[in-house]
């Protein structure tokens, strides 16, 4: 029997799923959207443990400075490939322009 999810986990999952195709968000903004302004690390833990089971668009979540958080050989190349397939430009250094592709906590394109 599956253990019921905590309310904060449900809110984080919903915020992750709300990031549209061709856009990215950062761990901090997902936490903020879920009502947990200090919950960026919890977002990272949920992405790590639940992405496959919940079919999360994990590749759309990046660091607040626009960098891909995953190391080379640790999923970084897959994340970059998935983002590029959605039309997101990722630099050779693994950086996304948040001004162009980022979403704020509301899920709207950053200005």
PDB file of N, CA and C in Angstrom:
ATOM      1  N   UNK A   1       0.840  -1.181   0.000  1.00  0.00           N
ATOM      2  CA  UNK A   1       0.000   0.000   0.000  1.00  0.00           C
ATOM      3  C   UNK A   1       0.888   1.249   0.000  1.00  0.00           C
ATOM      4  N   UNK A   2       0.560   2.180  -0.868  1.00  0.00           N
ATOM      5  CA  UNK A   2       1.327   3.422  -0.964  1.00  0.00           C
ATOM      6  C   UNK A   2       1.053   4.322   0.229  1.00  0.00           C
ATOM      7  N   UNK A   3       2.122   4.920   0.728  1.00  0.00           N
ATOM      8  CA  UNK A   3       1.998   5.874   1.820  1.00  0.00           C
ATOM      9  C   UNK A   3       1.438   7.182   1.257  1.00  0.00           C
ATOM     10  N   UNK A   4       0.441   7.794   1.926  1.00  0.00           N
ATOM     11  CA  UNK A   4      -0.104   9.059   1.415  1.00  0.00           C
ATOM     12  C   UNK A   4       0.964  10.154   1.414  1.00  0.00           C
ATOM     13  N   UNK A   5       0.889  11.006   0.409  1.00  0.00           N
ATOM     14  CA  UNK A   5       1.857  12.091   0.286  1.00  0.00           C
ATOM     15  C   UNK A   5       1.508  13.236   1.222  1.00  0.00           C
ATOM     16  N   UNK A   6       2.528  13.854   1.754  1.00  0.00           N
ATOM     17  CA  UNK A   6       2.363  15.035   2.597  1.00  0.00           C
ATOM     18  C   UNK A   6       1.847  16.183   1.734  1.00  0.00           C
ATOM     19  N   UNK A   7       1.063  17.070   2.316  1.00  0.00           N
ATOM     20  CA  UNK A   7       0.485  18.203   1.585  1.00  0.00           C
ATOM     21  C   UNK A   7       1.557  19.043   0.890  1.00  0.00           C
ATOM     22  N   UNK A   8       2.683  19.273   1.549  1.00  0.00           N
ATOM     23  CA  UNK A   8       3.745  20.080   0.929  1.00  0.00           C
ATOM     24  C   UNK A   8       4.326  19.372  -0.292  1.00  0.00           C
ATOM     25  N   UNK A   9       4.422  18.058  -0.233  1.00  0.00           N
ATOM     26  CA  UNK A   9       4.913  17.292  -1.381  1.00  0.00           C
ATOM     27  C   UNK A   9       3.949  17.410  -2.551  1.00  0.00           C
ATOM     28  N   UNK A  10       2.664  17.326  -2.279  1.00  0.00           N
ATOM     29  CA  UNK A  10       1.646  17.457  -3.325  1.00  0.00           C
ATOM     30  C   UNK A  10       1.743  18.827  -3.991  1.00  0.00           C
ATOM     31  N   UNK A  11       1.940  19.870  -3.191  1.00  0.00           N
ATOM     32  CA  UNK A  11       2.053  21.227  -3.747  1.00  0.00           C
ATOM     33  C   UNK A  11       3.313  21.378  -4.602  1.00  0.00           C
ATOM     34  N   UNK A  12       4.413  20.792  -4.159  1.00  0.00           N
ATOM     35  CA  UNK A  12       5.656  20.854  -4.937  1.00  0.00           C
ATOM     36  C   UNK A  12       5.492  20.099  -6.252  1.00  0.00           C
ATOM     37  N   UNK A  13       4.899  18.924  -6.206  1.00  0.00           N
ATOM     38  CA  UNK A  13       4.667  18.151  -7.430  1.00  0.00           C
ATOM     39  C   UNK A  13       3.824  18.946  -8.420  1.00  0.00           C
ATOM     40  N   UNK A  14       2.779  19.600  -7.930  1.00  0.00           N
ATOM     41  CA  UNK A  14       1.910  20.402  -8.803  1.00  0.00           C
ATOM     42  C   UNK A  14       2.678  21.561  -9.427  1.00  0.00           C
ATOM     43  N   UNK A  15       3.532  22.208  -8.641  1.00  0.00           N
ATOM     44  CA  UNK A  15       4.312  23.341  -9.157  1.00  0.00           C
ATOM     45  C   UNK A  15       5.303  22.885 -10.226  1.00  0.00           C
ATOM     46  N   UNK A  16       5.917  21.735 -10.026  1.00  0.00           N
ATOM     47  CA  UNK A  16       6.852  21.203 -11.024  1.00  0.00           C
ATOM     48  C   UNK A  16       6.102  20.877 -12.315  1.00  0.00           C
ATOM     49  N   UNK A  17       4.961  20.214 -12.176  1.00  0.00           N
ATOM     50  CA  UNK A  17       4.174  19.826 -13.353  1.00  0.00           C
ATOM     51  C   UNK A  17       3.621  21.031 -14.102  1.00  0.00           C
ATOM     52  N   UNK A  18       3.524  22.178 -13.436  1.00  0.00           N
ATOM     53  CA  UNK A  18       2.976  23.387 -14.061  1.00  0.00           C
ATOM     54  C   UNK A  18       3.981  24.126 -14.947  1.00  0.00           C
ATOM     55  N   UNK A  19       5.252  23.759 -14.876  1.00  0.00           N
ATOM     56  CA  UNK A  19       6.255  24.427 -15.718  1.00  0.00           C
ATOM     57  C   UNK A  19       6.015  23.978 -17.158  1.00  0.00           C
ATOM     58  N   UNK A  20       5.678  24.916 -18.041  1.00  0.00           N
ATOM     59  CA  UNK A  20       5.319  24.531 -19.410  1.00  0.00           C
ATOM     60  C   UNK A  20       6.504  24.093 -20.266  1.00  0.00           C
ATOM     61  N   UNK A  21       6.183  23.339 -21.259  1.00  0.00           N
ATOM     62  CA  UNK A  21       7.160  22.897 -22.263  1.00  0.00           C
ATOM     63  C   UNK A  21       7.850  24.128 -22.856  1.00  0.00           C
ATOM     64  N   UNK A  22       9.171  24.046 -23.018  1.00  0.00           N
ATOM     65  CA  UNK A  22       9.920  25.160 -23.591  1.00  0.00           C
ATOM     66  C   UNK A  22      10.269  26.245 -22.588  1.00  0.00           C
ATOM     67  N   UNK A  23      10.003  26.006 -21.323  1.00  0.00           N
ATOM     68  CA  UNK A  23      10.326  26.950 -20.249  1.00  0.00           C
ATOM     69  C   UNK A  23      11.069  26.199 -19.151  1.00  0.00           C
ATOM     70  N   UNK A  24      11.724  26.953 -18.282  1.00  0.00           N
ATOM     71  CA  UNK A  24      12.407  26.378 -17.126  1.00  0.00           C
ATOM     72  C   UNK A  24      12.013  27.156 -15.881  1.00  0.00           C
ATOM     73  N   UNK A  25      12.253  26.544 -14.749  1.00  0.00           N
ATOM     74  CA  UNK A  25      12.066  27.220 -13.473  1.00  0.00           C
ATOM     75  C   UNK A  25      13.208  26.776 -12.572  1.00  0.00           C
ATOM     76  N   UNK A  26      13.408  27.487 -11.490  1.00  0.00           N
ATOM     77  CA  UNK A  26      14.477  27.102 -10.566  1.00  0.00           C
ATOM     78  C   UNK A  26      13.870  26.491  -9.303  1.00  0.00           C
ATOM     79  N   UNK A  27      14.698  25.790  -8.571  1.00  0.00           N
ATOM     80  CA  UNK A  27      14.263  25.115  -7.355  1.00  0.00           C
ATOM     81  C   UNK A  27      13.573  26.098  -6.406  1.00  0.00           C
ATOM     82  N   UNK A  28      14.145  27.276  -6.261  1.00  0.00           N
ATOM     83  CA  UNK A  28      13.606  28.298  -5.360  1.00  0.00           C
ATOM     84  C   UNK A  28      12.204  28.721  -5.780  1.00  0.00           C
ATOM     85  N   UNK A  29      11.987  28.954  -7.078  1.00  0.00           N
ATOM     86  CA  UNK A  29      10.674  29.393  -7.546  1.00  0.00           C
ATOM     87  C   UNK A  29       9.623  28.300  -7.412  1.00  0.00           C
ATOM     88  N   UNK A  30      10.022  27.057  -7.590  1.00  0.00           N
ATOM     89  CA  UNK A  30       9.087  25.945  -7.386  1.00  0.00           C
ATOM     90  C   UNK A  30       8.669  25.905  -5.919  1.00  0.00           C
ATOM     91  N   UNK A  31       9.643  26.039  -5.027  1.00  0.00           N
ATOM     92  CA  UNK A  31       9.335  26.047  -3.596  1.00  0.00           C
ATOM     93  C   UNK A  31       8.407  27.208  -3.252  1.00  0.00           C
ATOM     94  N   UNK A  32       8.684  28.380  -3.793  1.00  0.00           N
ATOM     95  CA  UNK A  32       7.853  29.561  -3.549  1.00  0.00           C
ATOM     96  C   UNK A  32       6.428  29.320  -4.044  1.00  0.00           C
ATOM     97  N   UNK A  33       6.295  28.757  -5.241  1.00  0.00           N
ATOM     98  CA  UNK A  33       4.969  28.482  -5.808  1.00  0.00           C
ATOM     99  C   UNK A  33       4.192  27.484  -4.953  1.00  0.00           C
ATOM    100  N   UNK A  34       4.919  26.613  -4.270  1.00  0.00           N
ATOM    101  CA  UNK A  34       4.288  25.616  -3.406  1.00  0.00           C
ATOM    102  C   UNK A  34       4.023  26.158  -2.004  1.00  0.00           C
ATOM    103  N   UNK A  35       4.308  27.443  -1.791  1.00  0.00           N
ATOM    104  CA  UNK A  35       4.078  28.045  -0.479  1.00  0.00           C
ATOM    105  C   UNK A  35       5.163  27.741   0.524  1.00  0.00           C
ATOM    106  N   UNK A  36       6.348  27.405   0.037  1.00  0.00           N
ATOM    107  CA  UNK A  36       7.471  27.049   0.899  1.00  0.00           C
ATOM    108  C   UNK A  36       8.703  27.838   0.480  1.00  0.00           C
ATOM    109  N   UNK A  37       8.757  29.133   0.790  1.00  0.00           N
ATOM    110  CA  UNK A  37       9.841  29.978   0.289  1.00  0.00           C
ATOM    111  C   UNK A  37      11.250  29.505   0.645  1.00  0.00           C
ATOM    112  N   UNK A  38      11.387  28.675   1.656  1.00  0.00           N
ATOM    113  CA  UNK A  38      12.709  28.158   2.031  1.00  0.00           C
ATOM    114  C   UNK A  38      12.852  26.675   1.696  1.00  0.00           C
ATOM    115  N   UNK A  39      12.064  26.188   0.750  1.00  0.00           N
ATOM    116  CA  UNK A  39      12.017  24.759   0.471  1.00  0.00           C
ATOM    117  C   UNK A  39      12.749  24.282  -0.765  1.00  0.00           C
ATOM    118  N   UNK A  40      13.731  25.042  -1.245  1.00  0.00           N
ATOM    119  CA  UNK A  40      14.439  24.646  -2.472  1.00  0.00           C
ATOM    120  C   UNK A  40      15.094  23.272  -2.344  1.00  0.00           C
ATOM    121  N   UNK A  41      15.648  22.966  -1.188  1.00  0.00           N
ATOM    122  CA  UNK A  41      16.291  21.654  -1.008  1.00  0.00           C
ATOM    123  C   UNK A  41      15.263  20.530  -1.023  1.00  0.00           C
ATOM    124  N   UNK A  42      14.079  20.805  -0.497  1.00  0.00           N
ATOM    125  CA  UNK A  42      13.019  19.792  -0.540  1.00  0.00           C
ATOM    126  C   UNK A  42      12.601  19.532  -1.987  1.00  0.00           C
ATOM    127  N   UNK A  43      12.559  20.584  -2.794  1.00  0.00           N
ATOM    128  CA  UNK A  43      12.258  20.419  -4.219  1.00  0.00           C
ATOM    129  C   UNK A  43      13.299  19.498  -4.854  1.00  0.00           C
ATOM    130  N   UNK A  44      14.560  19.723  -4.564  1.00  0.00           N
ATOM    131  CA  UNK A  44      15.631  18.885  -5.119  1.00  0.00           C
ATOM    132  C   UNK A  44      15.467  17.430  -4.684  1.00  0.00           C
ATOM    133  N   UNK A  45      15.135  17.203  -3.415  1.00  0.00           N
ATOM    134  CA  UNK A  45      14.945  15.830  -2.927  1.00  0.00           C
ATOM    135  C   UNK A  45      13.776  15.145  -3.639  1.00  0.00           C
ATOM    136  N   UNK A  46      12.681  15.886  -3.812  1.00  0.00           N
ATOM    137  CA  UNK A  46      11.514  15.315  -4.492  1.00  0.00           C
ATOM    138  C   UNK A  46      11.846  14.994  -5.943  1.00  0.00           C
ATOM    139  N   UNK A  47      12.539  15.896  -6.616  1.00  0.00           N
ATOM    140  CA  UNK A  47      12.937  15.626  -7.999  1.00  0.00           C
ATOM    141  C   UNK A  47      13.806  14.376  -8.080  1.00  0.00           C
ATOM    142  N   UNK A  48      14.719  14.238  -7.137  1.00  0.00           N
ATOM    143  CA  UNK A  48      15.629  13.092  -7.143  1.00  0.00           C
ATOM    144  C   UNK A  48      14.882  11.781  -6.894  1.00  0.00           C
ATOM    145  N   UNK A  49      13.933  11.796  -5.980  1.00  0.00           N
ATOM    146  CA  UNK A  49      13.290  10.549  -5.569  1.00  0.00           C
ATOM    147  C   UNK A  49      11.992  10.215  -6.297  1.00  0.00           C
ATOM    148  N   UNK A  50      11.325  11.206  -6.899  1.00  0.00           N
ATOM    149  CA  UNK A  50       9.990  10.956  -7.436  1.00  0.00           C
ATOM    150  C   UNK A  50       9.818  11.258  -8.920  1.00  0.00           C
ATOM    151  N   UNK A  51      10.847  11.717  -9.600  1.00  0.00           N
ATOM    152  CA  UNK A  51      10.699  12.134 -10.998  1.00  0.00           C
ATOM    153  C   UNK A  51      10.130  11.040 -11.889  1.00  0.00           C
ATOM    154  N   UNK A  52      10.670   9.850 -11.779  1.00  0.00           N
ATOM    155  CA  UNK A  52      10.222   8.765 -12.654  1.00  0.00           C
ATOM    156  C   UNK A  52       8.809   8.318 -12.303  1.00  0.00           C
ATOM    157  N   UNK A  53       8.553   8.058 -11.042  1.00  0.00           N
ATOM    158  CA  UNK A  53       7.244   7.565 -10.616  1.00  0.00           C
ATOM    159  C   UNK A  53       6.113   8.544 -10.866  1.00  0.00           C
ATOM    160  N   UNK A  54       6.406   9.826 -10.735  1.00  0.00           N
ATOM    161  CA  UNK A  54       5.387  10.865 -10.921  1.00  0.00           C
ATOM    162  C   UNK A  54       5.410  11.456 -12.325  1.00  0.00           C
ATOM    163  N   UNK A  55       6.304  10.956 -13.172  1.00  0.00           N
ATOM    164  CA  UNK A  55       6.456  11.474 -14.543  1.00  0.00           C
ATOM    165  C   UNK A  55       6.627  13.000 -14.553  1.00  0.00           C
ATOM    166  N   UNK A  56       7.563  13.452 -13.732  1.00  0.00           N
ATOM    167  CA  UNK A  56       7.817  14.889 -13.603  1.00  0.00           C
ATOM    168  C   UNK A  56       8.699  15.399 -14.737  1.00  0.00           C
ATOM    169  N   UNK A  57       8.466  16.624 -15.186  1.00  0.00           N
ATOM    170  CA  UNK A  57       9.357  17.235 -16.175  1.00  0.00           C
ATOM    171  C   UNK A  57      10.608  17.768 -15.468  1.00  0.00           C
ATOM    172  N   UNK A  58      11.361  16.858 -14.867  1.00  0.00           N
ATOM    173  CA  UNK A  58      12.511  17.186 -14.031  1.00  0.00           C
ATOM    174  C   UNK A  58      13.531  18.047 -14.760  1.00  0.00           C
ATOM    175  N   UNK A  59      13.633  17.845 -16.068  1.00  0.00           N
ATOM    176  CA  UNK A  59      14.651  18.547 -16.855  1.00  0.00           C
ATOM    177  C   UNK A  59      14.392  20.046 -16.931  1.00  0.00           C
ATOM    178  N   UNK A  60      13.192  20.497 -16.599  1.00  0.00           N
ATOM    179  CA  UNK A  60      12.846  21.922 -16.667  1.00  0.00           C
ATOM    180  C   UNK A  60      13.232  22.685 -15.399  1.00  0.00           C
ATOM    181  N   UNK A  61      13.775  21.994 -14.410  1.00  0.00           N
ATOM    182  CA  UNK A  61      14.141  22.641 -13.151  1.00  0.00           C
ATOM    183  C   UNK A  61      15.661  22.784 -13.103  1.00  0.00           C
ATOM    184  N   UNK A  62      16.109  24.046 -12.955  1.00  0.00           N
ATOM    185  CA  UNK A  62      17.541  24.352 -12.964  1.00  0.00           C
ATOM    186  C   UNK A  62      17.875  25.257 -11.778  1.00  0.00           C
ATOM    187  N   UNK A  63      19.143  25.591 -11.639  1.00  0.00           N
ATOM    188  CA  UNK A  63      19.576  26.463 -10.538  1.00  0.00           C
ATOM    189  C   UNK A  63      19.108  27.897 -10.764  1.00  0.00           C
ATOM    190  N   UNK A  64      19.069  28.665  -9.703  1.00  0.00           N
ATOM    191  CA  UNK A  64      18.611  30.062  -9.761  1.00  0.00           C
ATOM    192  C   UNK A  64      19.524  30.947 -10.599  1.00  0.00           C
ATOM    193  N   UNK A  65      20.764  30.508 -10.828  1.00  0.00           N
ATOM    194  CA  UNK A  65      21.680  31.292 -11.664  1.00  0.00           C
ATOM    195  C   UNK A  65      21.616  30.872 -13.131  1.00  0.00           C
ATOM    196  N   UNK A  66      20.675  29.974 -13.473  1.00  0.00           N
ATOM    197  CA  UNK A  66      20.497  29.533 -14.846  1.00  0.00           C
ATOM    198  C   UNK A  66      21.307  28.313 -15.237  1.00  0.00           C
ATOM    199  N   UNK A  67      22.167  27.830 -14.349  1.00  0.00           N
ATOM    200  CA  UNK A  67      23.013  26.674 -14.656  1.00  0.00           C
ATOM    201  C   UNK A  67      22.254  25.361 -14.450  1.00  0.00           C
ATOM    202  N   UNK A  68      22.623  24.378 -15.244  1.00  0.00           N
ATOM    203  CA  UNK A  68      22.158  23.010 -15.040  1.00  0.00           C
ATOM    204  C   UNK A  68      22.849  22.517 -13.772  1.00  0.00           C
ATOM    205  N   UNK A  69      22.082  21.942 -12.843  1.00  0.00           N
ATOM    206  CA  UNK A  69      22.653  21.527 -11.562  1.00  0.00           C
ATOM    207  C   UNK A  69      23.373  20.184 -11.637  1.00  0.00           C
ATOM    208  N   UNK A  70      22.968  19.335 -12.546  1.00  0.00           N
ATOM    209  CA  UNK A  70      23.550  17.998 -12.612  1.00  0.00           C
ATOM    210  C   UNK A  70      24.970  18.033 -13.174  1.00  0.00           C
ATOM    211  N   UNK A  71      25.838  17.156 -12.653  1.00  0.00           N
ATOM    212  CA  UNK A  71      27.213  17.106 -13.161  1.00  0.00           C
ATOM    213  C   UNK A  71      27.298  16.303 -14.455  1.00  0.00           C
ATOM    214  N   UNK A  72      28.392  16.485 -15.172  1.00  0.00           N
ATOM    215  CA  UNK A  72      28.639  15.673 -16.367  1.00  0.00           C
ATOM    216  C   UNK A  72      28.668  14.212 -15.946  1.00  0.00           C
ATOM    217  N   UNK A  73      28.029  13.367 -16.736  1.00  0.00           N
ATOM    218  CA  UNK A  73      27.962  11.952 -16.414  1.00  0.00           C
ATOM    219  C   UNK A  73      26.892  11.618 -15.397  1.00  0.00           C
ATOM    220  N   UNK A  74      26.221  12.629 -14.871  1.00  0.00           N
ATOM    221  CA  UNK A  74      25.189  12.418 -13.864  1.00  0.00           C
ATOM    222  C   UNK A  74      23.816  12.864 -14.327  1.00  0.00           C
ATOM    223  N   UNK A  75      23.600  12.856 -15.633  1.00  0.00           N
ATOM    224  CA  UNK A  75      22.316  13.255 -16.181  1.00  0.00           C
ATOM    225  C   UNK A  75      22.315  14.610 -16.856  1.00  0.00           C
ATOM    226  N   UNK A  76      23.433  15.316 -16.735  1.00  0.00           N
ATOM    227  CA  UNK A  76      23.542  16.663 -17.321  1.00  0.00           C
ATOM    228  C   UNK A  76      23.270  16.663 -18.825  1.00  0.00           C
ATOM    229  N   UNK A  77      23.892  15.729 -19.536  1.00  0.00           N
ATOM    230  CA  UNK A  77      23.743  15.670 -20.987  1.00  0.00           C
ATOM    231  C   UNK A  77      22.305  15.370 -21.385  1.00  0.00           C
ATOM    232  N   UNK A  78      21.651  14.492 -20.629  1.00  0.00           N
ATOM    233  CA  UNK A  78      20.247  14.158 -20.900  1.00  0.00           C
ATOM    234  C   UNK A  78      19.371  15.384 -20.679  1.00  0.00           C
ATOM    235  N   UNK A  79      19.608  16.096 -19.580  1.00  0.00           N
ATOM    236  CA  UNK A  79      18.817  17.293 -19.289  1.00  0.00           C
ATOM    237  C   UNK A  79      18.982  18.335 -20.391  1.00  0.00           C
ATOM    238  N   UNK A  80      20.204  18.566 -20.807  1.00  0.00           N
ATOM    239  CA  UNK A  80      20.456  19.540 -21.876  1.00  0.00           C
ATOM    240  C   UNK A  80      19.752  19.112 -23.158  1.00  0.00           C
ATOM    241  N   UNK A  81      19.836  17.840 -23.495  1.00  0.00           N
ATOM    242  CA  UNK A  81      19.197  17.326 -24.701  1.00  0.00           C
ATOM    243  C   UNK A  81      17.677  17.494 -24.648  1.00  0.00           C
ATOM    244  N   UNK A  82      17.076  17.188 -23.509  1.00  0.00           N
ATOM    245  CA  UNK A  82      15.622  17.330 -23.360  1.00  0.00           C
ATOM    246  C   UNK A  82      15.191  18.789 -23.465  1.00  0.00           C
ATOM    247  N   UNK A  83      15.959  19.684 -22.854  1.00  0.00           N
ATOM    248  CA  UNK A  83      15.627  21.109 -22.940  1.00  0.00           C
ATOM    249  C   UNK A  83      15.742  21.604 -24.377  1.00  0.00           C
ATOM    250  N   UNK A  84      16.815  21.239 -25.033  1.00  0.00           N
ATOM    251  CA  UNK A  84      17.002  21.671 -26.426  1.00  0.00           C
ATOM    252  C   UNK A  84      15.892  21.124 -27.324  1.00  0.00           C
ATOM    253  N   UNK A  85      15.430  19.909 -27.052  1.00  0.00           N
ATOM    254  CA  UNK A  85      14.341  19.323 -27.841  1.00  0.00           C
ATOM    255  C   UNK A  85      13.047  20.126 -27.692  1.00  0.00           C
ATOM    256  N   UNK A  86      12.928  20.861 -26.588  1.00  0.00           N
ATOM    257  CA  UNK A  86      11.758  21.710 -26.357  1.00  0.00           C
ATOM    258  C   UNK A  86      11.985  23.136 -26.843  1.00  0.00           C
ATOM    259  N   UNK A  87      13.141  23.385 -27.459  1.00  0.00           N
ATOM    260  CA  UNK A  87      13.425  24.711 -27.992  1.00  0.00           C
ATOM    261  C   UNK A  87      14.139  25.652 -27.045  1.00  0.00           C
ATOM    262  N   UNK A  88      14.578  25.144 -25.897  1.00  0.00           N
ATOM    263  CA  UNK A  88      15.311  25.965 -24.931  1.00  0.00           C
ATOM    264  C   UNK A  88      16.781  25.974 -25.334  1.00  0.00           C
ATOM    265  N   UNK A  89      17.352  27.159 -25.470  1.00  0.00           N
ATOM    266  CA  UNK A  89      18.775  27.265 -25.805  1.00  0.00           C
ATOM    267  C   UNK A  89      19.594  27.106 -24.531  1.00  0.00           C
ATOM    268  N   UNK A  90      20.521  26.164 -24.573  1.00  0.00           N
ATOM    269  CA  UNK A  90      21.420  25.905 -23.453  1.00  0.00           C
ATOM    270  C   UNK A  90      22.834  26.122 -23.970  1.00  0.00           C
ATOM    271  N   UNK A  91      23.598  26.964 -23.286  1.00  0.00           N
ATOM    272  CA  UNK A  91      24.965  27.250 -23.728  1.00  0.00           C
ATOM    273  C   UNK A  91      25.862  26.029 -23.545  1.00  0.00           C
ATOM    274  N   UNK A  92      27.053  26.084 -24.131  1.00  0.00           N
ATOM    275  CA  UNK A  92      28.020  25.000 -23.981  1.00  0.00           C
ATOM    276  C   UNK A  92      28.379  24.783 -22.516  1.00  0.00           C
ATOM    277  N   UNK A  93      28.309  25.854 -21.734  1.00  0.00           N
ATOM    278  CA  UNK A  93      28.620  25.768 -20.306  1.00  0.00           C
ATOM    279  C   UNK A  93      27.440  25.245 -19.487  1.00  0.00           C
ATOM    280  N   UNK A  94      26.312  24.959 -20.151  1.00  0.00           N
ATOM    281  CA  UNK A  94      25.145  24.441 -19.441  1.00  0.00           C
ATOM    282  C   UNK A  94      24.321  25.514 -18.765  1.00  0.00           C
ATOM    283  N   UNK A  95      24.229  26.684 -19.400  1.00  0.00           N
ATOM    284  CA  UNK A  95      23.493  27.809 -18.817  1.00  0.00           C
ATOM    285  C   UNK A  95      22.296  28.152 -19.700  1.00  0.00           C
ATOM    286  N   UNK A  96      21.160  28.416 -19.051  1.00  0.00           N
ATOM    287  CA  UNK A  96      19.931  28.828 -19.724  1.00  0.00           C
ATOM    288  C   UNK A  96      19.664  30.284 -19.368  1.00  0.00           C
ATOM    289  N   UNK A  97      19.251  31.066 -20.334  1.00  0.00           N
ATOM    290  CA  UNK A  97      18.887  32.470 -20.112  1.00  0.00           C
ATOM    291  C   UNK A  97      17.522  32.510 -19.430  1.00  0.00           C
ATOM    292  N   UNK A  98      17.523  32.761 -18.121  1.00  0.00           N
ATOM    293  CA  UNK A  98      16.269  32.784 -17.363  1.00  0.00           C
ATOM    294  C   UNK A  98      15.366  33.935 -17.776  1.00  0.00           C
ATOM    295  N   UNK A  99      15.948  35.014 -18.263  1.00  0.00           N
ATOM    296  CA  UNK A  99      15.135  36.128 -18.735  1.00  0.00           C
ATOM    297  C   UNK A  99      14.298  35.761 -19.943  1.00  0.00           C
ATOM    298  N   UNK A 100      14.797  34.829 -20.712  1.00  0.00           N
ATOM    299  CA  UNK A 100      14.090  34.404 -21.926  1.00  0.00           C
ATOM    300  C   UNK A 100      13.225  33.162 -21.696  1.00  0.00           C
ATOM    301  N   UNK A 101      13.742  32.199 -20.955  1.00  0.00           N
ATOM    302  CA  UNK A 101      13.061  30.913 -20.815  1.00  0.00           C
ATOM    303  C   UNK A 101      12.507  30.644 -19.417  1.00  0.00           C
ATOM    304  N   UNK A 102      12.844  31.494 -18.462  1.00  0.00           N
ATOM    305  CA  UNK A 102      12.432  31.242 -17.095  1.00  0.00           C
ATOM    306  C   UNK A 102      10.981  31.577 -16.827  1.00  0.00           C
ATOM    307  N   UNK A 103      10.450  30.913 -15.832  1.00  0.00           N
ATOM    308  CA  UNK A 103       9.118  31.236 -15.336  1.00  0.00           C
ATOM    309  C   UNK A 103       9.277  31.681 -13.897  1.00  0.00           C
ATOM    310  N   UNK A 104       8.450  32.591 -13.492  1.00  0.00           N
ATOM    311  CA  UNK A 104       8.436  32.988 -12.089  1.00  0.00           C
ATOM    312  C   UNK A 104       7.608  31.993 -11.302  1.00  0.00           C
ATOM    313  N   UNK A 105       7.413  32.278 -10.040  1.00  0.00           N
ATOM    314  CA  UNK A 105       6.644  31.387  -9.184  1.00  0.00           C
ATOM    315  C   UNK A 105       5.206  31.238  -9.664  1.00  0.00           C
ATOM    316  N   UNK A 106       4.723  32.194 -10.437  1.00  0.00           N
ATOM    317  CA  UNK A 106       3.345  32.124 -10.927  1.00  0.00           C
ATOM    318  C   UNK A 106       3.205  31.240 -12.155  1.00  0.00           C
ATOM    319  N   UNK A 107       4.339  30.781 -12.704  1.00  0.00           N
ATOM    320  CA  UNK A 107       4.290  29.968 -13.906  1.00  0.00           C
ATOM    321  C   UNK A 107       4.270  30.796 -15.177  1.00  0.00           C
ATOM    322  N   UNK A 108       4.392  32.107 -15.057  1.00  0.00           N
ATOM    323  CA  UNK A 108       4.408  32.989 -16.221  1.00  0.00           C
ATOM    324  C   UNK A 108       5.848  33.271 -16.617  1.00  0.00           C
ATOM    325  N   UNK A 109       6.057  33.603 -17.874  1.00  0.00           N
ATOM    326  CA  UNK A 109       7.397  33.918 -18.361  1.00  0.00           C
ATOM    327  C   UNK A 109       7.969  35.080 -17.566  1.00  0.00           C
ATOM    328  N   UNK A 110       9.225  34.927 -17.170  1.00  0.00           N
ATOM    329  CA  UNK A 110       9.898  35.995 -16.423  1.00  0.00           C
ATOM    330  C   UNK A 110      10.071  37.209 -17.323  1.00  0.00           C
ATOM    331  N   UNK A 111      10.060  38.396 -16.722  1.00  0.00           N
ATOM    332  CA  UNK A 111      10.248  39.625 -17.502  1.00  0.00           C
ATOM    333  C   UNK A 111      11.600  40.229 -17.220  1.00  0.00           C
TER     334      UNK A 111
END
